[in-house]
Amino acid sequence: HVRYLKDKQHTLALMKRHAVIMAPKFRTVLEVLEREIAPLGFARWNR
């Protein structure tokens, strides 16, 4: 792990690549909730 991750800055660069995969999934969740549930007024969620 140390040889691969090297240090904090190198690891943060890797986490940016993770973010490219993760962000669209969270957007999908929030878009469905905003479209299907928000107008009905019976639930709330974090973003």
ModelCIF file with pLDDT and N, C-alpha, C, O atoms, coordinates in Angstrom:
data_MODEL
#
_entry.id   MODEL 
#
_entity.id                         1 
_entity.type                       polymer 
_entity.pdbx_number_of_molecules   1 
#
_entity_poly.entity_id                      1 
_entity_poly.type                           'polypeptide(L)' 
_entity_poly.nstd_linkage                   no 
_entity_poly.nstd_monomer                   no 
_entity_poly.pdbx_seq_one_letter_code       HVRYLKDKQHTLALMKRHAVIMAPKFRTVLEVLEREIAPLGFARWNR 
_entity_poly.pdbx_seq_one_letter_code_can   HVRYLKDKQHTLALMKRHAVIMAPKFRTVLEVLEREIAPLGFARWNR 
_entity_poly.pdbx_strand_id                 A 
#
loop_
_entity_poly_seq.entity_id 
_entity_poly_seq.num 
_entity_poly_seq.mon_id 
_entity_poly_seq.hetero 
1 1  HIS n 
1 2  VAL n 
1 3  ARG n 
1 4  TYR n 
1 5  LEU n 
1 6  LYS n 
1 7  ASP n 
1 8  LYS n 
1 9  GLN n 
1 10 HIS n 
1 11 THR n 
1 12 LEU n 
1 13 ALA n 
1 14 LEU n 
1 15 MET n 
1 16 LYS n 
1 17 ARG n 
1 18 HIS n 
1 19 ALA n 
1 20 VAL n 
1 21 ILE n 
1 22 MET n 
1 23 ALA n 
1 24 PRO n 
1 25 LYS n 
1 26 PHE n 
1 27 ARG n 
1 28 THR n 
1 29 VAL n 
1 30 LEU n 
1 31 GLU n 
1 32 VAL n 
1 33 LEU n 
1 34 GLU n 
1 35 ARG n 
1 36 GLU n 
1 37 ILE n 
1 38 ALA n 
1 39 PRO n 
1 40 LEU n 
1 41 GLY n 
1 42 PHE n 
1 43 ALA n 
1 44 ARG n 
1 45 TRP n 
1 46 ASN n 
1 47 ARG n 
#
_struct_asym.id          A 
_struct_asym.entity_id   1 
#
loop_
_ma_qa_metric.id 
_ma_qa_metric.mode 
_ma_qa_metric.name 
_ma_qa_metric.software_group_id 
_ma_qa_metric.type 
1 global pLDDT . pLDDT 
2 local  pLDDT . pLDDT 
#
_ma_qa_metric_global.metric_id      1 
_ma_qa_metric_global.metric_value   97.36 
_ma_qa_metric_global.model_id       1 
_ma_qa_metric_global.ordinal_id     1 
#
loop_
_ma_qa_metric_local.label_asym_id 
_ma_qa_metric_local.label_comp_id 
_ma_qa_metric_local.label_seq_id 
_ma_qa_metric_local.metric_id 
_ma_qa_metric_local.metric_value 
_ma_qa_metric_local.model_id 
_ma_qa_metric_local.ordinal_id 
A HIS 1  2 98.00 1 1  
A VAL 2  2 98.00 1 2  
A ARG 3  2 97.00 1 3  
A TYR 4  2 98.00 1 4  
A LEU 5  2 98.00 1 5  
A LYS 6  2 98.00 1 6  
A ASP 7  2 98.00 1 7  
A LYS 8  2 98.00 1 8  
A GLN 9  2 98.00 1 9  
A HIS 10 2 98.00 1 10 
A THR 11 2 98.00 1 11 
A LEU 12 2 98.00 1 12 
A ALA 13 2 98.00 1 13 
A LEU 14 2 98.00 1 14 
A MET 15 2 98.00 1 15 
A LYS 16 2 98.00 1 16 
A ARG 17 2 98.00 1 17 
A HIS 18 2 98.00 1 18 
A ALA 19 2 98.00 1 19 
A VAL 20 2 98.00 1 20 
A ILE 21 2 98.00 1 21 
A MET 22 2 97.00 1 22 
A ALA 23 2 98.00 1 23 
A PRO 24 2 97.00 1 24 
A LYS 25 2 97.00 1 25 
A PHE 26 2 97.00 1 26 
A ARG 27 2 97.00 1 27 
A THR 28 2 98.00 1 28 
A VAL 29 2 97.00 1 29 
A LEU 30 2 98.00 1 30 
A GLU 31 2 98.00 1 31 
A VAL 32 2 98.00 1 32 
A LEU 33 2 98.00 1 33 
A GLU 34 2 98.00 1 34 
A ARG 35 2 97.00 1 35 
A GLU 36 2 97.00 1 36 
A ILE 37 2 98.00 1 37 
A ALA 38 2 97.00 1 38 
A PRO 39 2 96.00 1 39 
A LEU 40 2 96.00 1 40 
A GLY 41 2 94.00 1 41 
A PHE 42 2 97.00 1 42 
A ALA 43 2 97.00 1 43 
A ARG 44 2 97.00 1 44 
A TRP 45 2 97.00 1 45 
A ASN 46 2 93.00 1 46 
A ARG 47 2 95.00 1 47 
#
loop_
_atom_site.group_PDB 
_atom_site.id 
_atom_site.type_symbol 
_atom_site.label_atom_id 
_atom_site.label_alt_id 
_atom_site.label_comp_id 
_atom_site.label_asym_id 
_atom_site.label_entity_id 
_atom_site.label_seq_id 
_atom_site.pdbx_PDB_ins_code 
_atom_site.Cartn_x 
_atom_site.Cartn_y 
_atom_site.Cartn_z 
_atom_site.occupancy 
_atom_site.B_iso_or_equiv 
_atom_site.pdbx_formal_charge 
_atom_site.auth_seq_id 
_atom_site.auth_comp_id 
_atom_site.auth_asym_id 
_atom_site.auth_atom_id 
_atom_site.pdbx_PDB_model_num 
ATOM 1   N N  . HIS A 1 1  ? 0.821   -1.206 0.000   1.00 98.00 ? 1  HIS A N  1 
ATOM 2   C CA . HIS A 1 1  ? 0.000   0.000  0.000   1.00 98.00 ? 1  HIS A CA 1 
ATOM 3   C C  . HIS A 1 1  ? 0.862   1.266  0.000   1.00 98.00 ? 1  HIS A C  1 
ATOM 4   O O  . HIS A 1 1  ? 0.568   2.218  -0.722  1.00 98.00 ? 1  HIS A O  1 
ATOM 5   N N  . VAL A 1 2  ? 1.898   1.276  0.788   1.00 98.00 ? 2  VAL A N  1 
ATOM 6   C CA . VAL A 1 2  ? 2.751   2.467  0.851   1.00 98.00 ? 2  VAL A CA 1 
ATOM 7   C C  . VAL A 1 2  ? 3.434   2.702  -0.489  1.00 98.00 ? 2  VAL A C  1 
ATOM 8   O O  . VAL A 1 2  ? 3.504   3.838  -0.959  1.00 98.00 ? 2  VAL A O  1 
ATOM 9   N N  . ARG A 1 3  ? 3.936   1.642  -1.107  1.00 97.00 ? 3  ARG A N  1 
ATOM 10  C CA . ARG A 1 3  ? 4.609   1.790  -2.406  1.00 97.00 ? 3  ARG A CA 1 
ATOM 11  C C  . ARG A 1 3  ? 3.620   2.295  -3.465  1.00 97.00 ? 3  ARG A C  1 
ATOM 12  O O  . ARG A 1 3  ? 3.995   3.050  -4.362  1.00 97.00 ? 3  ARG A O  1 
ATOM 13  N N  . TYR A 1 4  ? 2.365   1.875  -3.353  1.00 98.00 ? 4  TYR A N  1 
ATOM 14  C CA . TYR A 1 4  ? 1.376   2.238  -4.364  1.00 98.00 ? 4  TYR A CA 1 
ATOM 15  C C  . TYR A 1 4  ? 0.751   3.611  -4.095  1.00 98.00 ? 4  TYR A C  1 
ATOM 16  O O  . TYR A 1 4  ? 0.642   4.437  -5.001  1.00 98.00 ? 4  TYR A O  1 
ATOM 17  N N  . LEU A 1 5  ? 0.342   3.849  -2.846  1.00 98.00 ? 5  LEU A N  1 
ATOM 18  C CA . LEU A 1 5  ? -0.342  5.098  -2.509  1.00 98.00 ? 5  LEU A CA 1 
ATOM 19  C C  . LEU A 1 5  ? 0.625   6.255  -2.283  1.00 98.00 ? 5  LEU A C  1 
ATOM 20  O O  . LEU A 1 5  ? 0.263   7.419  -2.458  1.00 98.00 ? 5  LEU A O  1 
ATOM 21  N N  . LYS A 1 6  ? 1.851   5.932  -1.896  1.00 98.00 ? 6  LYS A N  1 
ATOM 22  C CA . LYS A 1 6  ? 2.963   6.877  -1.713  1.00 98.00 ? 6  LYS A CA 1 
ATOM 23  C C  . LYS A 1 6  ? 2.742   7.850  -0.541  1.00 98.00 ? 6  LYS A C  1 
ATOM 24  O O  . LYS A 1 6  ? 3.409   7.731  0.486   1.00 98.00 ? 6  LYS A O  1 
ATOM 25  N N  . ASP A 1 7  ? 1.827   8.797  -0.681  1.00 98.00 ? 7  ASP A N  1 
ATOM 26  C CA . ASP A 1 7  ? 1.614   9.797  0.362   1.00 98.00 ? 7  ASP A CA 1 
ATOM 27  C C  . ASP A 1 7  ? 0.208   10.373 0.219   1.00 98.00 ? 7  ASP A C  1 
ATOM 28  O O  . ASP A 1 7  ? -0.577  9.932  -0.620  1.00 98.00 ? 7  ASP A O  1 
ATOM 29  N N  . LYS A 1 8  ? -0.086  11.350 1.041   1.00 98.00 ? 8  LYS A N  1 
ATOM 30  C CA . LYS A 1 8  ? -1.441  11.919 1.054   1.00 98.00 ? 8  LYS A CA 1 
ATOM 31  C C  . LYS A 1 8  ? -1.801  12.534 -0.283  1.00 98.00 ? 8  LYS A C  1 
ATOM 32  O O  . LYS A 1 8  ? -2.889  12.282 -0.800  1.00 98.00 ? 8  LYS A O  1 
ATOM 33  N N  . GLN A 1 9  ? -0.916  13.334 -0.855  1.00 98.00 ? 9  GLN A N  1 
ATOM 34  C CA . GLN A 1 9  ? -1.232  14.015 -2.101  1.00 98.00 ? 9  GLN A CA 1 
ATOM 35  C C  . GLN A 1 9  ? -1.471  13.033 -3.238  1.00 98.00 ? 9  GLN A C  1 
ATOM 36  O O  . GLN A 1 9  ? -2.392  13.216 -4.035  1.00 98.00 ? 9  GLN A O  1 
ATOM 37  N N  . HIS A 1 10 ? -0.649  11.996 -3.317  1.00 98.00 ? 10 HIS A N  1 
ATOM 38  C CA . HIS A 1 10 ? -0.830  10.984 -4.350  1.00 98.00 ? 10 HIS A CA 1 
ATOM 39  C C  . HIS A 1 10 ? -2.153  10.246 -4.142  1.00 98.00 ? 10 HIS A C  1 
ATOM 40  O O  . HIS A 1 10 ? -2.838  9.908  -5.106  1.00 98.00 ? 10 HIS A O  1 
ATOM 41  N N  . THR A 1 11 ? -2.502  10.003 -2.894  1.00 98.00 ? 11 THR A N  1 
ATOM 42  C CA . THR A 1 11 ? -3.763  9.323  -2.580  1.00 98.00 ? 11 THR A CA 1 
ATOM 43  C C  . THR A 1 11 ? -4.956  10.199 -2.930  1.00 98.00 ? 11 THR A C  1 
ATOM 44  O O  . THR A 1 11 ? -5.969  9.700  -3.421  1.00 98.00 ? 11 THR A O  1 
ATOM 45  N N  . LEU A 1 12 ? -4.847  11.502 -2.682  1.00 98.00 ? 12 LEU A N  1 
ATOM 46  C CA . LEU A 1 12 ? -5.934  12.412 -3.036  1.00 98.00 ? 12 LEU A CA 1 
ATOM 47  C C  . LEU A 1 12 ? -6.171  12.430 -4.542  1.00 98.00 ? 12 LEU A C  1 
ATOM 48  O O  . LEU A 1 12 ? -7.309  12.559 -4.994  1.00 98.00 ? 12 LEU A O  1 
ATOM 49  N N  . ALA A 1 13 ? -5.093  12.299 -5.319  1.00 98.00 ? 13 ALA A N  1 
ATOM 50  C CA . ALA A 1 13 ? -5.246  12.219 -6.776  1.00 98.00 ? 13 ALA A CA 1 
ATOM 51  C C  . ALA A 1 13 ? -6.024  10.961 -7.163  1.00 98.00 ? 13 ALA A C  1 
ATOM 52  O O  . ALA A 1 13 ? -6.854  10.991 -8.072  1.00 98.00 ? 13 ALA A O  1 
ATOM 53  N N  . LEU A 1 14 ? -5.752  9.860  -6.468  1.00 98.00 ? 14 LEU A N  1 
ATOM 54  C CA . LEU A 1 14 ? -6.510  8.625  -6.707  1.00 98.00 ? 14 LEU A CA 1 
ATOM 55  C C  . LEU A 1 14 ? -7.972  8.816  -6.324  1.00 98.00 ? 14 LEU A C  1 
ATOM 56  O O  . LEU A 1 14 ? -8.862  8.330  -7.022  1.00 98.00 ? 14 LEU A O  1 
ATOM 57  N N  . MET A 1 15 ? -8.227  9.513  -5.229  1.00 98.00 ? 15 MET A N  1 
ATOM 58  C CA . MET A 1 15 ? -9.610  9.719  -4.783  1.00 98.00 ? 15 MET A CA 1 
ATOM 59  C C  . MET A 1 15 ? -10.407 10.570 -5.781  1.00 98.00 ? 15 MET A C  1 
ATOM 60  O O  . MET A 1 15 ? -11.628 10.445 -5.864  1.00 98.00 ? 15 MET A O  1 
ATOM 61  N N  . LYS A 1 16 ? -9.728  11.422 -6.527  1.00 98.00 ? 16 LYS A N  1 
ATOM 62  C CA . LYS A 1 16 ? -10.398 12.164 -7.595  1.00 98.00 ? 16 LYS A CA 1 
ATOM 63  C C  . LYS A 1 16 ? -10.921 11.201 -8.659  1.00 98.00 ? 16 LYS A C  1 
ATOM 64  O O  . LYS A 1 16 ? -11.991 11.418 -9.228  1.00 98.00 ? 16 LYS A O  1 
ATOM 65  N N  . ARG A 1 17 ? -10.164 10.141 -8.924  1.00 98.00 ? 17 ARG A N  1 
ATOM 66  C CA . ARG A 1 17 ? -10.608 9.140  -9.902  1.00 98.00 ? 17 ARG A CA 1 
ATOM 67  C C  . ARG A 1 17 ? -11.790 8.336  -9.353  1.00 98.00 ? 17 ARG A C  1 
ATOM 68  O O  . ARG A 1 17 ? -12.701 7.974  -10.098 1.00 98.00 ? 17 ARG A O  1 
ATOM 69  N N  . HIS A 1 18 ? -11.768 8.064  -8.053  1.00 98.00 ? 18 HIS A N  1 
ATOM 70  C CA . HIS A 1 18 ? -12.934 7.447  -7.420  1.00 98.00 ? 18 HIS A CA 1 
ATOM 71  C C  . HIS A 1 18 ? -14.163 8.355  -7.556  1.00 98.00 ? 18 HIS A C  1 
ATOM 72  O O  . HIS A 1 18 ? -15.270 7.884  -7.817  1.00 98.00 ? 18 HIS A O  1 
ATOM 73  N N  . ALA A 1 19 ? -13.949 9.659  -7.376  1.00 98.00 ? 19 ALA A N  1 
ATOM 74  C CA . ALA A 1 19 ? -15.058 10.610 -7.419  1.00 98.00 ? 19 ALA A CA 1 
ATOM 75  C C  . ALA A 1 19 ? -15.750 10.624 -8.777  1.00 98.00 ? 19 ALA A C  1 
ATOM 76  O O  . ALA A 1 19 ? -16.964 10.812 -8.861  1.00 98.00 ? 19 ALA A O  1 
ATOM 77  N N  . VAL A 1 20 ? -14.977 10.425 -9.832  1.00 98.00 ? 20 VAL A N  1 
ATOM 78  C CA . VAL A 1 20 ? -15.561 10.389 -11.177 1.00 98.00 ? 20 VAL A CA 1 
ATOM 79  C C  . VAL A 1 20 ? -16.578 9.258  -11.287 1.00 98.00 ? 20 VAL A C  1 
ATOM 80  O O  . VAL A 1 20 ? -17.563 9.372  -12.017 1.00 98.00 ? 20 VAL A O  1 
ATOM 81  N N  . ILE A 1 21 ? -16.342 8.175  -10.568 1.00 98.00 ? 21 ILE A N  1 
ATOM 82  C CA . ILE A 1 21 ? -17.258 7.024  -10.573 1.00 98.00 ? 21 ILE A CA 1 
ATOM 83  C C  . ILE A 1 21 ? -18.412 7.246  -9.605  1.00 98.00 ? 21 ILE A C  1 
ATOM 84  O O  . ILE A 1 21 ? -19.556 6.912  -9.911  1.00 98.00 ? 21 ILE A O  1 
ATOM 85  N N  . MET A 1 22 ? -18.114 7.810  -8.438  1.00 97.00 ? 22 MET A N  1 
ATOM 86  C CA . MET A 1 22 ? -19.119 7.941  -7.375  1.00 97.00 ? 22 MET A CA 1 
ATOM 87  C C  . MET A 1 22 ? -20.119 9.065  -7.622  1.00 97.00 ? 22 MET A C  1 
ATOM 88  O O  . MET A 1 22 ? -21.313 8.888  -7.381  1.00 97.00 ? 22 MET A O  1 
ATOM 89  N N  . ALA A 1 23 ? -19.655 10.211 -8.094  1.00 98.00 ? 23 ALA A N  1 
ATOM 90  C CA . ALA A 1 23 ? -20.528 11.385 -8.195  1.00 98.00 ? 23 ALA A CA 1 
ATOM 91  C C  . ALA A 1 23 ? -21.778 11.141 -9.037  1.00 98.00 ? 23 ALA A C  1 
ATOM 92  O O  . ALA A 1 23 ? -22.865 11.536 -8.616  1.00 98.00 ? 23 ALA A O  1 
ATOM 93  N N  . PRO A 1 24 ? -21.672 10.503 -10.216 1.00 97.00 ? 24 PRO A N  1 
ATOM 94  C CA . PRO A 1 24 ? -22.898 10.271 -11.000 1.00 97.00 ? 24 PRO A CA 1 
ATOM 95  C C  . PRO A 1 24 ? -23.916 9.393  -10.275 1.00 97.00 ? 24 PRO A C  1 
ATOM 96  O O  . PRO A 1 24 ? -25.119 9.529  -10.502 1.00 97.00 ? 24 PRO A O  1 
ATOM 97  N N  . LYS A 1 25 ? -23.455 8.501  -9.414  1.00 97.00 ? 25 LYS A N  1 
ATOM 98  C CA . LYS A 1 25 ? -24.376 7.629  -8.683  1.00 97.00 ? 25 LYS A CA 1 
ATOM 99  C C  . LYS A 1 25 ? -25.168 8.425  -7.646  1.00 97.00 ? 25 LYS A C  1 
ATOM 100 O O  . LYS A 1 25 ? -26.371 8.221  -7.483  1.00 97.00 ? 25 LYS A O  1 
ATOM 101 N N  . PHE A 1 26 ? -24.490 9.322  -6.955  1.00 97.00 ? 26 PHE A N  1 
ATOM 102 C CA . PHE A 1 26 ? -25.202 10.154 -5.990  1.00 97.00 ? 26 PHE A CA 1 
ATOM 103 C C  . PHE A 1 26 ? -26.148 11.116 -6.697  1.00 97.00 ? 26 PHE A C  1 
ATOM 104 O O  . PHE A 1 26 ? -27.243 11.392 -6.207  1.00 97.00 ? 26 PHE A O  1 
ATOM 105 N N  . ARG A 1 27 ? -25.725 11.623 -7.845  1.00 97.00 ? 27 ARG A N  1 
ATOM 106 C CA . ARG A 1 27 ? -26.618 12.495 -8.607  1.00 97.00 ? 27 ARG A CA 1 
ATOM 107 C C  . ARG A 1 27 ? -27.878 11.737 -9.037  1.00 97.00 ? 27 ARG A C  1 
ATOM 108 O O  . ARG A 1 27 ? -28.980 12.285 -9.019  1.00 97.00 ? 27 ARG A O  1 
ATOM 109 N N  . THR A 1 28 ? -27.698 10.474 -9.422  1.00 98.00 ? 28 THR A N  1 
ATOM 110 C CA . THR A 1 28 ? -28.845 9.654  -9.820  1.00 98.00 ? 28 THR A CA 1 
ATOM 111 C C  . THR A 1 28 ? -29.834 9.504  -8.670  1.00 98.00 ? 28 THR A C  1 
ATOM 112 O O  . THR A 1 28 ? -31.039 9.672  -8.851  1.00 98.00 ? 28 THR A O  1 
ATOM 113 N N  . VAL A 1 29 ? -29.317 9.187  -7.491  1.00 97.00 ? 29 VAL A N  1 
ATOM 114 C CA . VAL A 1 29 ? -30.176 9.042  -6.306  1.00 97.00 ? 29 VAL A CA 1 
ATOM 115 C C  . VAL A 1 29 ? -30.947 10.327 -6.040  1.00 97.00 ? 29 VAL A C  1 
ATOM 116 O O  . VAL A 1 29 ? -32.164 10.302 -5.858  1.00 97.00 ? 29 VAL A O  1 
ATOM 117 N N  . LEU A 1 30 ? -30.243 11.439 -6.017  1.00 98.00 ? 30 LEU A N  1 
ATOM 118 C CA . LEU A 1 30 ? -30.868 12.708 -5.663  1.00 98.00 ? 30 LEU A CA 1 
ATOM 119 C C  . LEU A 1 30 ? -31.845 13.171 -6.741  1.00 98.00 ? 30 LEU A C  1 
ATOM 120 O O  . LEU A 1 30 ? -32.884 13.751 -6.425  1.00 98.00 ? 30 LEU A O  1 
ATOM 121 N N  . GLU A 1 31 ? -31.524 12.921 -8.010  1.00 98.00 ? 31 GLU A N  1 
ATOM 122 C CA . GLU A 1 31 ? -32.428 13.324 -9.092  1.00 98.00 ? 31 GLU A CA 1 
ATOM 123 C C  . GLU A 1 31 ? -33.752 12.569 -9.015  1.00 98.00 ? 31 GLU A C  1 
ATOM 124 O O  . GLU A 1 31 ? -34.815 13.161 -9.208  1.00 98.00 ? 31 GLU A O  1 
ATOM 125 N N  . VAL A 1 32 ? -33.696 11.266 -8.736  1.00 98.00 ? 32 VAL A N  1 
ATOM 126 C CA . VAL A 1 32 ? -34.931 10.494 -8.622  1.00 98.00 ? 32 VAL A CA 1 
ATOM 127 C C  . VAL A 1 32 ? -35.756 10.975 -7.433  1.00 98.00 ? 32 VAL A C  1 
ATOM 128 O O  . VAL A 1 32 ? -36.974 11.124 -7.536  1.00 98.00 ? 32 VAL A O  1 
ATOM 129 N N  . LEU A 1 33 ? -35.095 11.216 -6.312  1.00 98.00 ? 33 LEU A N  1 
ATOM 130 C CA . LEU A 1 33 ? -35.819 11.685 -5.131  1.00 98.00 ? 33 LEU A CA 1 
ATOM 131 C C  . LEU A 1 33 ? -36.445 13.058 -5.363  1.00 98.00 ? 33 LEU A C  1 
ATOM 132 O O  . LEU A 1 33 ? -37.581 13.305 -4.957  1.00 98.00 ? 33 LEU A O  1 
ATOM 133 N N  . GLU A 1 34 ? -35.704 13.947 -6.016  1.00 98.00 ? 34 GLU A N  1 
ATOM 134 C CA . GLU A 1 34 ? -36.236 15.285 -6.287  1.00 98.00 ? 34 GLU A CA 1 
ATOM 135 C C  . GLU A 1 34 ? -37.422 15.220 -7.242  1.00 98.00 ? 34 GLU A C  1 
ATOM 136 O O  . GLU A 1 34 ? -38.394 15.961 -7.092  1.00 98.00 ? 34 GLU A O  1 
ATOM 137 N N  . ARG A 1 35 ? -37.333 14.332 -8.219  1.00 97.00 ? 35 ARG A N  1 
ATOM 138 C CA . ARG A 1 35 ? -38.391 14.242 -9.226  1.00 97.00 ? 35 ARG A CA 1 
ATOM 139 C C  . ARG A 1 35 ? -39.630 13.510 -8.713  1.00 97.00 ? 35 ARG A C  1 
ATOM 140 O O  . ARG A 1 35 ? -40.757 13.945 -8.949  1.00 97.00 ? 35 ARG A O  1 
ATOM 141 N N  . GLU A 1 36 ? -39.414 12.396 -8.011  1.00 97.00 ? 36 GLU A N  1 
ATOM 142 C CA . GLU A 1 36 ? -40.519 11.513 -7.645  1.00 97.00 ? 36 GLU A CA 1 
ATOM 143 C C  . GLU A 1 36 ? -41.093 11.763 -6.247  1.00 97.00 ? 36 GLU A C  1 
ATOM 144 O O  . GLU A 1 36 ? -42.282 11.539 -6.019  1.00 97.00 ? 36 GLU A O  1 
ATOM 145 N N  . ILE A 1 37 ? -40.263 12.221 -5.318  1.00 98.00 ? 37 ILE A N  1 
ATOM 146 C CA . ILE A 1 37 ? -40.695 12.287 -3.919  1.00 98.00 ? 37 ILE A CA 1 
ATOM 147 C C  . ILE A 1 37 ? -40.846 13.720 -3.404  1.00 98.00 ? 37 ILE A C  1 
ATOM 148 O O  . ILE A 1 37 ? -41.788 14.014 -2.668  1.00 98.00 ? 37 ILE A O  1 
ATOM 149 N N  . ALA A 1 38 ? -39.933 14.608 -3.782  1.00 97.00 ? 38 ALA A N  1 
ATOM 150 C CA . ALA A 1 38 ? -39.961 15.966 -3.234  1.00 97.00 ? 38 ALA A CA 1 
ATOM 151 C C  . ALA A 1 38 ? -41.319 16.662 -3.385  1.00 97.00 ? 38 ALA A C  1 
ATOM 152 O O  . ALA A 1 38 ? -41.779 17.278 -2.424  1.00 97.00 ? 38 ALA A O  1 
ATOM 153 N N  . PRO A 1 39 ? -41.983 16.592 -4.554  1.00 96.00 ? 39 PRO A N  1 
ATOM 154 C CA . PRO A 1 39 ? -43.268 17.303 -4.687  1.00 96.00 ? 39 PRO A CA 1 
ATOM 155 C C  . PRO A 1 39 ? -44.366 16.757 -3.776  1.00 96.00 ? 39 PRO A C  1 
ATOM 156 O O  . PRO A 1 39 ? -45.369 17.430 -3.537  1.00 96.00 ? 39 PRO A O  1 
ATOM 157 N N  . LEU A 1 40 ? -44.176 15.531 -3.265  1.00 96.00 ? 40 LEU A N  1 
ATOM 158 C CA . LEU A 1 40 ? -45.221 14.899 -2.445  1.00 96.00 ? 40 LEU A CA 1 
ATOM 159 C C  . LEU A 1 40 ? -45.118 15.280 -0.971  1.00 96.00 ? 40 LEU A C  1 
ATOM 160 O O  . LEU A 1 40 ? -46.065 15.088 -0.207  1.00 96.00 ? 40 LEU A O  1 
ATOM 161 N N  . GLY A 1 41 ? -43.969 15.821 -0.575  1.00 94.00 ? 41 GLY A N  1 
ATOM 162 C CA . GLY A 1 41 ? -43.851 16.452 0.728   1.00 94.00 ? 41 GLY A CA 1 
ATOM 163 C C  . GLY A 1 41 ? -43.798 15.566 1.952   1.00 94.00 ? 41 GLY A C  1 
ATOM 164 O O  . GLY A 1 41 ? -43.970 16.067 3.064   1.00 94.00 ? 41 GLY A O  1 
ATOM 165 N N  . PHE A 1 42 ? -43.565 14.252 1.800   1.00 97.00 ? 42 PHE A N  1 
ATOM 166 C CA . PHE A 1 42 ? -43.600 13.395 2.989   1.00 97.00 ? 42 PHE A CA 1 
ATOM 167 C C  . PHE A 1 42 ? -42.232 12.865 3.402   1.00 97.00 ? 42 PHE A C  1 
ATOM 168 O O  . PHE A 1 42 ? -42.143 12.063 4.331   1.00 97.00 ? 42 PHE A O  1 
ATOM 169 N N  . ALA A 1 43 ? -41.169 13.294 2.734   1.00 97.00 ? 43 ALA A N  1 
ATOM 170 C CA . ALA A 1 43 ? -39.833 12.794 3.080   1.00 97.00 ? 43 ALA A CA 1 
ATOM 171 C C  . ALA A 1 43 ? -38.802 13.907 2.916   1.00 97.00 ? 43 ALA A C  1 
ATOM 172 O O  . ALA A 1 43 ? -39.013 14.866 2.173   1.00 97.00 ? 43 ALA A O  1 
ATOM 173 N N  . ARG A 1 44 ? -37.698 13.760 3.616   1.00 97.00 ? 44 ARG A N  1 
ATOM 174 C CA . ARG A 1 44 ? -36.565 14.681 3.476   1.00 97.00 ? 44 ARG A CA 1 
ATOM 175 C C  . ARG A 1 44 ? -35.283 13.863 3.490   1.00 97.00 ? 44 ARG A C  1 
ATOM 176 O O  . ARG A 1 44 ? -35.260 12.752 4.020   1.00 97.00 ? 44 ARG A O  1 
ATOM 177 N N  . TRP A 1 45 ? -34.222 14.401 2.916   1.00 97.00 ? 45 TRP A N  1 
ATOM 178 C CA . TRP A 1 45 ? -32.968 13.656 2.811   1.00 97.00 ? 45 TRP A CA 1 
ATOM 179 C C  . TRP A 1 45 ? -31.783 14.616 2.770   1.00 97.00 ? 45 TRP A C  1 
ATOM 180 O O  . TRP A 1 45 ? -31.931 15.809 2.506   1.00 97.00 ? 45 TRP A O  1 
ATOM 181 N N  . ASN A 1 46 ? -30.615 14.065 3.037   1.00 93.00 ? 46 ASN A N  1 
ATOM 182 C CA . ASN A 1 46 ? -29.403 14.870 2.982   1.00 93.00 ? 46 ASN A CA 1 
ATOM 183 C C  . ASN A 1 46 ? -28.848 14.883 1.559   1.00 93.00 ? 46 ASN A C  1 
ATOM 184 O O  . ASN A 1 46 ? -29.207 14.046 0.731   1.00 93.00 ? 46 ASN A O  1 
ATOM 185 N N  . ARG A 1 47 ? -27.969 15.842 1.291   1.00 95.00 ? 47 ARG A N  1 
ATOM 186 C CA . ARG A 1 47 ? -27.334 15.966 -0.019  1.00 95.00 ? 47 ARG A CA 1 
ATOM 187 C C  . ARG A 1 47 ? -25.827 16.045 0.191   1.00 95.00 ? 47 ARG A C  1 
ATOM 188 O O  . ARG A 1 47 ? -25.074 16.154 -0.777  1.00 95.00 ? 47 ARG A O  1 
#
